[in-house]
Amino acid sequence: GTFEEVGMTAEIAVDGDGRTYAGMGVDFADYNNDGLPDLV
């Protein structure tokens, strides 16, 4: 029932150049059918 914030260690906190950006819309689904949910 509790959560921990892991954005940095999971490497989704910034873009590929280490920069923040204007995050607005999001989806969390497996686009490559490998059984692992991906992010956009």
All heavy atoms as atom14 arrays in JSON, in Angstrom:
{
  "sequence": "GTFEEVGMTAEIAVDGDGRTYAGMGVDFADYNNDGLPDLV",
  "atom14_mask": [
    [1, 1, 1, 1, 0, 0, 0, 0, 0, 0, 0, 0, 0, 0],
    [1, 1, 1, 1, 1, 1, 1, 0, 0, 0, 0, 0, 0, 0],
    [1, 1, 1, 1, 1, 1, 1, 1, 1, 1, 1, 0, 0, 0],
    [1, 1, 1, 1, 1, 1, 1, 1, 1, 0, 0, 0, 0, 0],
    [1, 1, 1, 1, 1, 1, 1, 1, 1, 0, 0, 0, 0, 0],
    [1, 1, 1, 1, 1, 1, 1, 0, 0, 0, 0, 0, 0, 0],
    [1, 1, 1, 1, 0, 0, 0, 0, 0, 0, 0, 0, 0, 0],
    [1, 1, 1, 1, 1, 1, 1, 1, 0, 0, 0, 0, 0, 0],
    [1, 1, 1, 1, 1, 1, 1, 0, 0, 0, 0, 0, 0, 0],
    [1, 1, 1, 1, 1, 0, 0, 0, 0, 0, 0, 0, 0, 0],
    [1, 1, 1, 1, 1, 1, 1, 1, 1, 0, 0, 0, 0, 0],
    [1, 1, 1, 1, 1, 1, 1, 1, 0, 0, 0, 0, 0, 0],
    [1, 1, 1, 1, 1, 0, 0, 0, 0, 0, 0, 0, 0, 0],
    [1, 1, 1, 1, 1, 1, 1, 0, 0, 0, 0, 0, 0, 0],
    [1, 1, 1, 1, 1, 1, 1, 1, 0, 0, 0, 0, 0, 0],
    [1, 1, 1, 1, 0, 0, 0, 0, 0, 0, 0, 0, 0, 0],
    [1, 1, 1, 1, 1, 1, 1, 1, 0, 0, 0, 0, 0, 0],
    [1, 1, 1, 1, 0, 0, 0, 0, 0, 0, 0, 0, 0, 0],
    [1, 1, 1, 1, 1, 1, 1, 1, 1, 1, 1, 0, 0, 0],
    [1, 1, 1, 1, 1, 1, 1, 0, 0, 0, 0, 0, 0, 0],
    [1, 1, 1, 1, 1, 1, 1, 1, 1, 1, 1, 1, 0, 0],
    [1, 1, 1, 1, 1, 0, 0, 0, 0, 0, 0, 0, 0, 0],
    [1, 1, 1, 1, 0, 0, 0, 0, 0, 0, 0, 0, 0, 0],
    [1, 1, 1, 1, 1, 1, 1, 1, 0, 0, 0, 0, 0, 0],
    [1, 1, 1, 1, 0, 0, 0, 0, 0, 0, 0, 0, 0, 0],
    [1, 1, 1, 1, 1, 1, 1, 0, 0, 0, 0, 0, 0, 0],
    [1, 1, 1, 1, 1, 1, 1, 1, 0, 0, 0, 0, 0, 0],
    [1, 1, 1, 1, 1, 1, 1, 1, 1, 1, 1, 0, 0, 0],
    [1, 1, 1, 1, 1, 0, 0, 0, 0, 0, 0, 0, 0, 0],
    [1, 1, 1, 1, 1, 1, 1, 1, 0, 0, 0, 0, 0, 0],
    [1, 1, 1, 1, 1, 1, 1, 1, 1, 1, 1, 1, 0, 0],
    [1, 1, 1, 1, 1, 1, 1, 1, 0, 0, 0, 0, 0, 0],
    [1, 1, 1, 1, 1, 1, 1, 1, 0, 0, 0, 0, 0, 0],
    [1, 1, 1, 1, 1, 1, 1, 1, 0, 0, 0, 0, 0, 0],
    [1, 1, 1, 1, 0, 0, 0, 0, 0, 0, 0, 0, 0, 0],
    [1, 1, 1, 1, 1, 1, 1, 1, 0, 0, 0, 0, 0, 0],
    [1, 1, 1, 1, 1, 1, 1, 0, 0, 0, 0, 0, 0, 0],
    [1, 1, 1, 1, 1, 1, 1, 1, 0, 0, 0, 0, 0, 0],
    [1, 1, 1, 1, 1, 1, 1, 1, 0, 0, 0, 0, 0, 0],
    [1, 1, 1, 1, 1, 1, 1, 0, 0, 0, 0, 0, 0, 0]
  ],
  "atom14_positions": [
    [[0.79, -1.21, 0.0], [0.0, 0.0, 0.0], [0.83, 1.27, 0.0], [0.27, 2.37, 0.0], [0.0, 0.0, 0.0], [0.0, 0.0, 0.0], [0.0, 0.0, 0.0], [0.0, 0.0, 0.0], [0.0, 0.0, 0.0], [0.0, 0.0, 0.0], [0.0, 0.0, 0.0], [0.0, 0.0, 0.0], [0.0, 0.0, 0.0], [0.0, 0.0, 0.0]],
    [[2.15, 1.13, 0.0], [3.02, 2.3, -0.04], [3.89, 2.26, -1.3], [4.07, 1.21, -1.92], [3.92, 2.4, 1.2], [4.86, 1.32, 1.19], [3.09, 2.36, 2.48], [0.0, 0.0, 0.0], [0.0, 0.0, 0.0], [0.0, 0.0, 0.0], [0.0, 0.0, 0.0], [0.0, 0.0, 0.0], [0.0, 0.0, 0.0], [0.0, 0.0, 0.0]],
    [[4.44, 3.44, -1.64], [5.19, 3.6, -2.87], [6.5, 4.33, -2.59], [6.62, 5.05, -1.6], [4.38, 4.41, -3.89], [3.15, 3.7, -4.4], [2.03, 3.54, -3.59], [3.11, 3.21, -5.68], [0.9, 2.9, -4.06], [1.98, 2.56, -6.16], [0.87, 2.4, -5.35], [0.0, 0.0, 0.0], [0.0, 0.0, 0.0], [0.0, 0.0, 0.0]],
    [[7.47, 4.15, -3.49], [8.7, 4.94, -3.43], [8.96, 5.53, -4.81], [8.74, 4.88, -5.83], [9.88, 4.08, -2.98], [10.22, 2.91, -3.88], [11.45, 2.14, -3.41], [12.27, 2.75, -2.7], [11.57, 0.95, -3.76], [0.0, 0.0, 0.0], [0.0, 0.0, 0.0], [0.0, 0.0, 0.0], [0.0, 0.0, 0.0], [0.0, 0.0, 0.0]],
    [[9.42, 6.78, -4.83], [9.68, 7.46, -6.09], [11.06, 7.06, -6.6], [12.07, 7.25, -5.91], [9.6, 8.98, -5.88], [9.29, 9.76, -7.16], [10.47, 9.81, -8.12], [11.54, 10.28, -7.71], [10.3, 9.35, -9.27], [0.0, 0.0, 0.0], [0.0, 0.0, 0.0], [0.0, 0.0, 0.0], [0.0, 0.0, 0.0], [0.0, 0.0, 0.0]],
    [[11.11, 6.51, -7.83], [12.35, 5.93, -8.36], [12.67, 6.46, -9.75], [13.39, 5.8, -10.51], [12.27, 4.39, -8.38], [12.16, 3.83, -6.97], [11.11, 3.91, -9.25], [0.0, 0.0, 0.0], [0.0, 0.0, 0.0], [0.0, 0.0, 0.0], [0.0, 0.0, 0.0], [0.0, 0.0, 0.0], [0.0, 0.0, 0.0], [0.0, 0.0, 0.0]],
    [[12.16, 7.63, -10.09], [12.33, 8.13, -11.45], [13.78, 8.23, -11.89], [14.13, 7.87, -13.02], [0.0, 0.0, 0.0], [0.0, 0.0, 0.0], [0.0, 0.0, 0.0], [0.0, 0.0, 0.0], [0.0, 0.0, 0.0], [0.0, 0.0, 0.0], [0.0, 0.0, 0.0], [0.0, 0.0, 0.0], [0.0, 0.0, 0.0], [0.0, 0.0, 0.0]],
    [[14.65, 8.72, -11.02], [16.05, 8.88, -11.39], [16.75, 7.54, -11.56], [17.46, 7.32, -12.54], [16.77, 9.73, -10.34], [16.47, 11.21, -10.45], [17.06, 11.96, -12.0], [18.83, 12.04, -11.68], [0.0, 0.0, 0.0], [0.0, 0.0, 0.0], [0.0, 0.0, 0.0], [0.0, 0.0, 0.0], [0.0, 0.0, 0.0], [0.0, 0.0, 0.0]],
    [[16.56, 6.64, -10.61], [17.24, 5.34, -10.71], [16.67, 4.5, -11.85], [17.39, 3.68, -12.44], [17.14, 4.57, -9.39], [15.76, 4.44, -9.01], [17.88, 5.3, -8.28], [0.0, 0.0, 0.0], [0.0, 0.0, 0.0], [0.0, 0.0, 0.0], [0.0, 0.0, 0.0], [0.0, 0.0, 0.0], [0.0, 0.0, 0.0], [0.0, 0.0, 0.0]],
    [[15.39, 4.7, -12.16], [14.79, 3.98, -13.29], [15.11, 4.64, -14.62], [14.8, 4.09, -15.68], [13.28, 3.89, -13.12], [0.0, 0.0, 0.0], [0.0, 0.0, 0.0], [0.0, 0.0, 0.0], [0.0, 0.0, 0.0], [0.0, 0.0, 0.0], [0.0, 0.0, 0.0], [0.0, 0.0, 0.0], [0.0, 0.0, 0.0], [0.0, 0.0, 0.0]],
    [[15.71, 5.82, -14.58], [16.18, 6.55, -15.75], [15.06, 7.05, -16.66], [15.17, 7.05, -17.89], [17.18, 5.7, -16.55], [18.41, 5.31, -15.72], [19.43, 4.52, -16.51], [19.88, 5.01, -17.56], [19.78, 3.42, -16.06], [0.0, 0.0, 0.0], [0.0, 0.0, 0.0], [0.0, 0.0, 0.0], [0.0, 0.0, 0.0], [0.0, 0.0, 0.0]],
    [[13.95, 7.51, -16.01], [12.88, 8.15, -16.79], [12.67, 9.59, -16.34], [11.78, 10.27, -16.85], [11.55, 7.36, -16.67], [11.01, 7.36, -15.24], [11.73, 5.93, -17.17], [10.03, 8.46, -14.92], [0.0, 0.0, 0.0], [0.0, 0.0, 0.0], [0.0, 0.0, 0.0], [0.0, 0.0, 0.0], [0.0, 0.0, 0.0], [0.0, 0.0, 0.0]],
    [[13.5, 10.08, -15.43], [13.28, 11.42, -14.87], [13.64, 12.53, -15.85], [13.09, 13.63, -15.76], [14.1, 11.59, -13.59], [0.0, 0.0, 0.0], [0.0, 0.0, 0.0], [0.0, 0.0, 0.0], [0.0, 0.0, 0.0], [0.0, 0.0, 0.0], [0.0, 0.0, 0.0], [0.0, 0.0, 0.0], [0.0, 0.0, 0.0], [0.0, 0.0, 0.0]],
    [[14.56, 12.26, -16.78], [15.02, 13.25, -17.74], [15.1, 12.61, -19.12], [14.87, 11.41, -19.27], [16.4, 13.81, -17.33], [16.31, 14.62, -16.04], [17.42, 12.67, -17.16], [0.0, 0.0, 0.0], [0.0, 0.0, 0.0], [0.0, 0.0, 0.0], [0.0, 0.0, 0.0], [0.0, 0.0, 0.0], [0.0, 0.0, 0.0], [0.0, 0.0, 0.0]],
    [[15.44, 13.42, -20.11], [15.56, 12.87, -21.46], [16.95, 12.26, -21.69], [17.76, 12.16, -20.74], [15.23, 13.94, -22.51], [16.26, 15.06, -22.58], [17.36, 14.94, -22.01], [15.95, 16.09, -23.22], [0.0, 0.0, 0.0], [0.0, 0.0, 0.0], [0.0, 0.0, 0.0], [0.0, 0.0, 0.0], [0.0, 0.0, 0.0], [0.0, 0.0, 0.0]],
    [[17.25, 11.88, -22.92], [18.51, 11.2, -23.21], [19.73, 12.06, -23.03], [20.85, 11.55, -22.96], [0.0, 0.0, 0.0], [0.0, 0.0, 0.0], [0.0, 0.0, 0.0], [0.0, 0.0, 0.0], [0.0, 0.0, 0.0], [0.0, 0.0, 0.0], [0.0, 0.0, 0.0], [0.0, 0.0, 0.0], [0.0, 0.0, 0.0], [0.0, 0.0, 0.0]],
    [[19.55, 13.39, -22.94], [20.67, 14.3, -22.73], [20.74, 14.79, -21.29], [21.48, 15.73, -20.99], [20.55, 15.5, -23.67], [20.65, 15.1, -25.13], [21.5, 14.24, -25.44], [19.89, 15.63, -25.96], [0.0, 0.0, 0.0], [0.0, 0.0, 0.0], [0.0, 0.0, 0.0], [0.0, 0.0, 0.0], [0.0, 0.0, 0.0], [0.0, 0.0, 0.0]],
    [[19.94, 14.18, -20.41], [19.96, 14.57, -19.01], [19.21, 15.85, -18.71], [19.44, 16.48, -17.68], [0.0, 0.0, 0.0], [0.0, 0.0, 0.0], [0.0, 0.0, 0.0], [0.0, 0.0, 0.0], [0.0, 0.0, 0.0], [0.0, 0.0, 0.0], [0.0, 0.0, 0.0], [0.0, 0.0, 0.0], [0.0, 0.0, 0.0], [0.0, 0.0, 0.0]],
    [[18.27, 16.25, -19.58], [17.54, 17.49, -19.41], [16.08, 17.22, -19.02], [15.48, 16.24, -19.45], [17.56, 18.31, -20.7], [18.95, 18.69, -21.19], [18.88, 19.32, -22.56], [18.3, 18.4, -23.53], [18.01, 18.74, -24.79], [18.24, 19.97, -25.21], [17.51, 17.84, -25.63], [0.0, 0.0, 0.0], [0.0, 0.0, 0.0], [0.0, 0.0, 0.0]],
    [[15.54, 18.12, -18.24], [14.1, 18.08, -17.98], [13.38, 18.65, -19.2], [13.98, 19.26, -20.08], [13.74, 18.9, -16.74], [14.16, 20.25, -16.91], [14.38, 18.3, -15.49], [0.0, 0.0, 0.0], [0.0, 0.0, 0.0], [0.0, 0.0, 0.0], [0.0, 0.0, 0.0], [0.0, 0.0, 0.0], [0.0, 0.0, 0.0], [0.0, 0.0, 0.0]],
    [[12.07, 18.44, -19.24], [11.26, 18.92, -20.35], [9.83, 19.12, -19.87], [9.5, 18.82, -18.72], [11.3, 17.92, -21.52], [10.98, 16.49, -21.13], [9.65, 16.06, -21.0], [11.99, 15.57, -20.88], [9.37, 14.74, -20.64], [11.71, 14.27, -20.52], [10.39, 13.86, -20.39], [10.09, 12.57, -20.03], [0.0, 0.0, 0.0], [0.0, 0.0, 0.0]],
    [[8.98, 19.61, -20.75], [7.61, 19.97, -20.37], [6.7, 18.75, -20.45], [5.88, 18.61, -21.36], [7.09, 21.07, -21.28], [0.0, 0.0, 0.0], [0.0, 0.0, 0.0], [0.0, 0.0, 0.0], [0.0, 0.0, 0.0], [0.0, 0.0, 0.0], [0.0, 0.0, 0.0], [0.0, 0.0, 0.0], [0.0, 0.0, 0.0], [0.0, 0.0, 0.0]],
    [[6.81, 17.84, -19.49], [5.98, 16.65, -19.5], [4.51, 17.0, -19.35], [4.12, 17.7, -18.42], [0.0, 0.0, 0.0], [0.0, 0.0, 0.0], [0.0, 0.0, 0.0], [0.0, 0.0, 0.0], [0.0, 0.0, 0.0], [0.0, 0.0, 0.0], [0.0, 0.0, 0.0], [0.0, 0.0, 0.0], [0.0, 0.0, 0.0], [0.0, 0.0, 0.0]],
    [[3.68, 16.51, -20.27], [2.26, 16.87, -20.27], [1.38, 15.62, -20.34], [0.78, 15.22, -19.35], [1.98, 17.85, -21.41], [2.75, 19.17, -21.19], [2.46, 20.48, -22.38], [3.16, 19.83, -23.88], [0.0, 0.0, 0.0], [0.0, 0.0, 0.0], [0.0, 0.0, 0.0], [0.0, 0.0, 0.0], [0.0, 0.0, 0.0], [0.0, 0.0, 0.0]],
    [[1.29, 14.98, -21.49], [0.51, 13.75, -21.59], [1.4, 12.53, -21.43], [2.61, 12.59, -21.66], [0.0, 0.0, 0.0], [0.0, 0.0, 0.0], [0.0, 0.0, 0.0], [0.0, 0.0, 0.0], [0.0, 0.0, 0.0], [0.0, 0.0, 0.0], [0.0, 0.0, 0.0], [0.0, 0.0, 0.0], [0.0, 0.0, 0.0], [0.0, 0.0, 0.0]],
    [[0.79, 11.39, -21.07], [1.59, 10.19, -20.8], [0.78, 8.94, -21.1], [-0.45, 8.93, -20.98], [2.06, 10.17, -19.32], [0.87, 10.13, -18.38], [3.01, 9.02, -19.05], [0.0, 0.0, 0.0], [0.0, 0.0, 0.0], [0.0, 0.0, 0.0], [0.0, 0.0, 0.0], [0.0, 0.0, 0.0], [0.0, 0.0, 0.0], [0.0, 0.0, 0.0]],
    [[1.48, 7.9, -21.53], [0.88, 6.56, -21.58], [1.94, 5.55, -21.15], [3.15, 5.79, -21.28], [0.35, 6.23, -22.96], [-0.72, 5.13, -22.92], [-1.15, 4.76, -21.81], [-1.13, 4.64, -23.99], [0.0, 0.0, 0.0], [0.0, 0.0, 0.0], [0.0, 0.0, 0.0], [0.0, 0.0, 0.0], [0.0, 0.0, 0.0], [0.0, 0.0, 0.0]],
    [[1.46, 4.41, -20.63], [2.3, 3.42, -19.96], [1.86, 2.06, -20.47], [0.97, 1.43, -19.9], [2.06, 3.55, -18.45], [3.18, 3.08, -17.56], [3.08, 3.27, -16.19], [4.32, 2.47, -18.04], [4.08, 2.87, -15.32], [5.32, 2.05, -17.2], [5.2, 2.26, -15.82], [0.0, 0.0, 0.0], [0.0, 0.0, 0.0], [0.0, 0.0, 0.0]],
    [[2.44, 1.6, -21.58], [1.98, 0.35, -22.2], [3.13, -0.28, -22.97], [4.13, 0.36, -23.3], [0.8, 0.63, -23.14], [0.0, 0.0, 0.0], [0.0, 0.0, 0.0], [0.0, 0.0, 0.0], [0.0, 0.0, 0.0], [0.0, 0.0, 0.0], [0.0, 0.0, 0.0], [0.0, 0.0, 0.0], [0.0, 0.0, 0.0], [0.0, 0.0, 0.0]],
    [[2.96, -1.55, -23.28], [4.0, -2.36, -23.91], [3.9, -2.23, -25.43], [3.13, -2.94, -26.07], [3.82, -3.81, -23.47], [4.81, -4.76, -24.11], [5.83, -4.29, -24.65], [4.56, -5.98, -24.06], [0.0, 0.0, 0.0], [0.0, 0.0, 0.0], [0.0, 0.0, 0.0], [0.0, 0.0, 0.0], [0.0, 0.0, 0.0], [0.0, 0.0, 0.0]],
    [[4.7, -1.34, -26.03], [4.59, -1.11, -27.47], [5.35, -2.14, -28.29], [5.07, -2.3, -29.49], [5.06, 0.31, -27.83], [6.55, 0.53, -27.78], [7.38, 0.16, -28.85], [7.15, 1.12, -26.68], [8.75, 0.37, -28.81], [8.52, 1.35, -26.63], [9.32, 0.96, -27.69], [10.67, 1.17, -27.65], [0.0, 0.0, 0.0], [0.0, 0.0, 0.0]],
    [[6.32, -2.84, -27.69], [7.12, -3.79, -28.47], [6.84, -5.25, -28.13], [7.58, -6.15, -28.52], [8.61, -3.49, -28.31], [9.04, -3.42, -26.85], [8.25, -3.72, -25.94], [10.28, -3.03, -26.61], [0.0, 0.0, 0.0], [0.0, 0.0, 0.0], [0.0, 0.0, 0.0], [0.0, 0.0, 0.0], [0.0, 0.0, 0.0], [0.0, 0.0, 0.0]],
    [[5.75, -5.49, -27.4], [5.24, -6.85, -27.14], [6.28, -7.77, -26.5], [6.37, -8.96, -26.83], [4.71, -7.48, -28.43], [3.44, -6.8, -28.92], [2.76, -6.1, -28.17], [3.11, -6.98, -30.19], [0.0, 0.0, 0.0], [0.0, 0.0, 0.0], [0.0, 0.0, 0.0], [0.0, 0.0, 0.0], [0.0, 0.0, 0.0], [0.0, 0.0, 0.0]],
    [[7.06, -7.21, -25.57], [8.03, -8.05, -24.85], [7.58, -8.32, -23.41], [8.34, -8.87, -22.62], [9.42, -7.41, -24.86], [9.47, -6.07, -24.12], [8.42, -5.59, -23.66], [10.58, -5.5, -24.02], [0.0, 0.0, 0.0], [0.0, 0.0, 0.0], [0.0, 0.0, 0.0], [0.0, 0.0, 0.0], [0.0, 0.0, 0.0], [0.0, 0.0, 0.0]],
    [[6.36, -7.92, -23.09], [5.82, -8.18, -21.76], [6.19, -7.15, -20.72], [5.88, -7.32, -19.55], [0.0, 0.0, 0.0], [0.0, 0.0, 0.0], [0.0, 0.0, 0.0], [0.0, 0.0, 0.0], [0.0, 0.0, 0.0], [0.0, 0.0, 0.0], [0.0, 0.0, 0.0], [0.0, 0.0, 0.0], [0.0, 0.0, 0.0], [0.0, 0.0, 0.0]],
    [[6.83, -6.05, -21.13], [7.29, -5.02, -20.21], [6.67, -3.68, -20.58], [6.89, -3.19, -21.7], [8.82, -4.92, -20.25], [9.59, -6.19, -19.93], [11.07, -6.03, -20.29], [9.43, -6.55, -18.45], [0.0, 0.0, 0.0], [0.0, 0.0, 0.0], [0.0, 0.0, 0.0], [0.0, 0.0, 0.0], [0.0, 0.0, 0.0], [0.0, 0.0, 0.0]],
    [[5.9, -3.05, -19.7], [5.28, -1.77, -20.02], [6.34, -0.69, -20.28], [7.29, -0.53, -19.51], [4.46, -1.43, -18.77], [4.27, -2.74, -18.08], [5.5, -3.54, -18.37], [0.0, 0.0, 0.0], [0.0, 0.0, 0.0], [0.0, 0.0, 0.0], [0.0, 0.0, 0.0], [0.0, 0.0, 0.0], [0.0, 0.0, 0.0], [0.0, 0.0, 0.0]],
    [[6.17, 0.03, -21.37], [7.05, 1.12, -21.76], [6.34, 2.45, -21.53], [5.15, 2.5, -21.23], [7.45, 0.97, -23.23], [7.96, -0.43, -23.54], [9.02, -0.8, -23.01], [7.28, -1.16, -24.29], [0.0, 0.0, 0.0], [0.0, 0.0, 0.0], [0.0, 0.0, 0.0], [0.0, 0.0, 0.0], [0.0, 0.0, 0.0], [0.0, 0.0, 0.0]],
    [[7.08, 3.55, -21.69], [6.54, 4.88, -21.4], [6.68, 5.81, -22.59], [7.67, 5.75, -23.32], [7.29, 5.51, -20.23], [6.9, 5.12, -18.82], [7.89, 5.72, -17.83], [5.5, 5.61, -18.51], [0.0, 0.0, 0.0], [0.0, 0.0, 0.0], [0.0, 0.0, 0.0], [0.0, 0.0, 0.0], [0.0, 0.0, 0.0], [0.0, 0.0, 0.0]],
    [[5.68, 6.68, -22.76], [5.82, 7.79, -23.69], [5.23, 9.02, -23.02], [4.2, 8.95, -22.35], [5.12, 7.49, -25.04], [3.61, 7.35, -24.88], [5.46, 8.55, -26.06], [0.0, 0.0, 0.0], [0.0, 0.0, 0.0], [0.0, 0.0, 0.0], [0.0, 0.0, 0.0], [0.0, 0.0, 0.0], [0.0, 0.0, 0.0], [0.0, 0.0, 0.0]]
  ]
}
